[in-house]
């Protein structure tokens, strides 16, 4: 794929990342997550969030804060992001595991291999740092996301958790590789 780059995110990427994050949620989860939640998302607030997070990531020794944020660019334009790090929950069997916390693309970037390249890079980085297995949580009612992770070799491992949106709790399931 010509013009495709996966690289570490920088604070100046924050606005493009926020756009991918907000519009990614609004298009992917419409009909699953309450409309009021999705409609309340703000590119401006998300830009501030990403700028602050990336500034902190760059100011911290990676050995002390092993979370990493990646972007995928096509023809110099940031089209998506992924965040990774040590697994957040430590149930039996996941000590030393890595997790892909987030993977979002702009709606226009979908279906062209950018997500696969970005996700593959994120997983490869976790594994290169010795974090195995690698896990990812996905809404149970998100068949497109589930097929994406299954095509990458991930399998449901039986763990479930609700994500509370105030008026509704939506179940997530955990996928694992390795």
Protein backbone atom coordinates (compact mmCIF):
# COMPACT_ATOMS: atom_id res chain seq x y z
CA UNK A 1 0.00 0.00 0.00
CA UNK A 2 1.62 3.22 -1.15
CA UNK A 3 1.92 6.11 1.28
CA UNK A 4 1.05 4.07 4.38
CA UNK A 5 3.04 4.75 7.56
CA UNK A 6 2.57 3.53 11.13
CA UNK A 7 4.50 5.58 13.68
CA UNK A 8 4.49 6.80 17.26
CA UNK A 9 1.87 9.48 17.82
CA UNK A 10 2.98 13.05 18.56
CA UNK A 11 1.11 15.86 20.35
CA UNK A 12 0.62 17.65 17.01
CA UNK A 13 -1.43 14.62 15.85
CA UNK A 14 -4.03 15.21 18.57
CA UNK A 15 -6.71 16.87 16.44
CA UNK A 16 -6.60 14.24 13.68
CA UNK A 17 -6.60 11.50 16.31
CA UNK A 18 -9.60 13.09 18.03
CA UNK A 19 -11.45 13.19 14.73
CA UNK A 20 -10.77 9.48 14.13
CA UNK A 21 -11.71 8.65 17.71
CA UNK A 22 -14.98 10.59 17.82
CA UNK A 23 -16.22 9.80 14.31
CA UNK A 24 -15.03 6.20 14.69
CA UNK A 25 -17.21 5.77 17.77
CA UNK A 26 -20.16 7.61 16.25
CA UNK A 27 -20.23 5.49 13.10
CA UNK A 28 -19.23 2.13 14.57
CA UNK A 29 -21.41 2.12 17.67
CA UNK A 30 -24.54 3.95 16.49
CA UNK A 31 -27.44 1.67 17.43
CA UNK A 32 -25.40 -0.10 20.10
CA UNK A 33 -24.27 2.74 22.40
CA UNK A 34 -26.96 5.28 23.39
CA UNK A 35 -27.27 8.12 20.87
CA UNK A 36 -27.02 10.71 23.67
CA UNK A 37 -23.59 9.34 24.59
CA UNK A 38 -22.34 9.37 21.00
CA UNK A 39 -23.82 12.79 20.26
CA UNK A 40 -22.10 14.17 23.36
CA UNK A 41 -18.62 13.34 22.03
CA UNK A 42 -16.56 16.37 21.13
CA UNK A 43 -13.56 16.58 18.83
CA UNK A 44 -12.41 19.63 20.80
CA UNK A 45 -12.46 17.82 24.17
CA UNK A 46 -10.90 14.70 22.66
CA UNK A 47 -8.16 16.84 21.06
CA UNK A 48 -7.26 18.23 24.49
CA UNK A 49 -7.29 14.70 25.93
CA UNK A 50 -4.97 13.33 23.24
CA UNK A 51 -2.62 16.33 23.34
CA UNK A 52 -2.26 16.00 27.14
CA UNK A 53 -1.81 12.23 26.97
CA UNK A 54 0.79 12.36 24.20
CA UNK A 55 2.70 15.17 25.91
CA UNK A 56 2.83 13.05 29.09
CA UNK A 57 3.87 9.92 27.15
CA UNK A 58 6.75 11.78 25.50
CA UNK A 59 7.88 13.27 28.83
CA UNK A 60 8.01 9.89 30.60
CA UNK A 61 10.69 7.24 30.36
CA UNK A 62 9.10 4.35 28.38
CA UNK A 63 10.46 1.89 30.95
CA UNK A 64 8.37 3.63 33.62
CA UNK A 65 5.18 4.07 31.58
CA UNK A 66 5.11 1.41 28.90
CA UNK A 67 1.86 2.65 27.33
CA UNK A 68 2.32 3.60 23.69
CA UNK A 69 0.12 5.36 21.17
CA UNK A 70 0.47 4.75 17.44
CA UNK A 71 -1.03 6.43 14.40
CA UNK A 72 -1.49 5.28 10.84
CA UNK A 73 -0.99 7.80 8.06
CA UNK A 74 -1.95 7.59 4.45
CA UNK A 75 -0.36 10.14 2.12
CA UNK A 76 0.75 12.13 5.16
CA UNK A 77 -2.72 12.32 6.76
CA UNK A 78 -3.39 10.68 10.15
CA UNK A 79 -6.31 8.29 9.60
CA UNK A 80 -6.36 6.29 12.82
CA UNK A 81 -4.82 5.44 16.16
CA UNK A 82 -4.08 2.55 18.48
CA UNK A 83 -3.10 2.58 22.16
CA UNK A 84 -1.29 -0.27 23.89
CA UNK A 85 0.38 -1.26 27.12
CA UNK A 86 0.41 -3.84 29.88
CA UNK A 87 -2.93 -5.53 30.43
CA UNK A 88 -5.20 -3.51 32.74
CA UNK A 89 -6.77 -6.40 34.62
CA UNK A 90 -4.60 -9.18 35.96
CA UNK A 91 -6.73 -12.30 36.24
CA UNK A 92 -4.98 -15.64 36.49
CA UNK A 93 -3.00 -16.42 33.36
CA UNK A 94 -2.52 -12.83 32.19
CA UNK A 95 0.55 -11.77 34.17
CA UNK A 96 2.91 -10.14 31.69
CA UNK A 97 0.20 -9.78 29.05
CA UNK A 98 -0.19 -6.81 26.73
CA UNK A 99 -3.39 -5.11 25.66
CA UNK A 100 -4.55 -3.07 22.71
CA UNK A 101 -6.76 -0.58 24.54
CA UNK A 102 -8.11 1.27 21.53
CA UNK A 103 -8.14 1.03 17.75
CA UNK A 104 -10.00 3.70 15.79
CA UNK A 105 -10.01 4.80 12.16
CA UNK A 106 -11.80 7.59 10.35
CA UNK A 107 -14.82 6.14 8.54
CA UNK A 108 -13.22 6.95 5.18
CA UNK A 109 -10.11 4.89 6.02
CA UNK A 110 -11.96 1.65 6.67
CA UNK A 111 -11.73 -1.36 4.40
CA UNK A 112 -8.38 -0.43 2.85
CA UNK A 113 -5.95 -2.30 5.12
CA UNK A 114 -4.97 0.66 7.31
CA UNK A 115 -6.57 -0.84 10.42
CA UNK A 116 -4.88 -4.17 9.80
CA UNK A 117 -1.47 -2.48 9.38
CA UNK A 118 -1.96 -0.37 12.52
CA UNK A 119 -3.24 -3.25 14.63
CA UNK A 120 -0.48 -5.57 13.39
CA UNK A 121 2.14 -2.98 14.34
CA UNK A 122 0.63 -2.52 17.81
CA UNK A 123 0.51 -6.27 18.46
CA UNK A 124 4.04 -6.80 17.12
CA UNK A 125 5.37 -4.04 19.40
CA UNK A 126 3.71 -5.58 22.48
CA UNK A 127 5.12 -9.00 21.66
CA UNK A 128 8.60 -7.58 20.94
CA UNK A 129 8.51 -6.08 24.44
CA UNK A 130 7.72 -9.53 25.89
CA UNK A 131 4.04 -8.90 26.58
CA UNK A 132 2.23 -12.13 25.86
CA UNK A 133 -0.48 -13.06 25.49
CA UNK A 134 -2.03 -10.00 23.83
CA UNK A 135 -5.67 -9.20 24.57
CA UNK A 136 -8.30 -6.81 23.28
CA UNK A 137 -11.84 -6.11 24.51
CA UNK A 138 -14.67 -5.64 22.00
CA UNK A 139 -18.38 -5.03 22.37
CA UNK A 140 -20.13 -8.37 22.04
CA UNK A 141 -22.66 -6.73 19.71
CA UNK A 142 -19.97 -5.46 17.29
CA UNK A 143 -19.77 -8.16 14.59
CA UNK A 144 -17.44 -6.15 12.34
CA UNK A 145 -14.92 -5.67 15.14
CA UNK A 146 -15.19 -9.30 16.18
CA UNK A 147 -14.50 -10.51 12.62
CA UNK A 148 -11.54 -8.13 12.40
CA UNK A 149 -9.90 -9.57 15.54
CA UNK A 150 -10.71 -13.14 14.55
CA UNK A 151 -9.10 -12.59 11.13
CA UNK A 152 -5.97 -11.46 13.01
CA UNK A 153 -5.90 -14.80 14.86
CA UNK A 154 -7.47 -13.66 18.15
CA UNK A 155 -9.98 -15.93 19.86
CA UNK A 156 -12.65 -15.28 22.51
CA UNK A 157 -11.28 -16.45 25.86
CA UNK A 158 -14.53 -16.45 27.87
CA UNK A 159 -14.04 -13.23 29.86
CA UNK A 160 -16.90 -10.72 29.85
CA UNK A 161 -17.50 -7.34 31.44
CA UNK A 162 -20.19 -4.69 31.21
CA UNK A 163 -19.46 -1.14 30.08
CA UNK A 164 -21.86 1.17 31.91
CA UNK A 165 -23.31 4.04 29.88
CA UNK A 166 -25.66 5.17 32.64
CA UNK A 167 -28.91 4.06 31.05
CA UNK A 168 -27.55 0.78 29.71
CA UNK A 169 -24.65 -1.59 30.29
CA UNK A 170 -23.20 -3.09 27.12
CA UNK A 171 -21.25 -6.35 27.39
CA UNK A 172 -17.68 -6.56 26.19
CA UNK A 173 -15.86 -9.81 25.52
CA UNK A 174 -12.15 -10.39 25.62
CA UNK A 175 -10.14 -11.76 22.70
CA UNK A 176 -6.69 -13.25 23.17
CA UNK A 177 -3.71 -14.15 20.99
CA UNK A 178 -0.91 -16.34 22.29
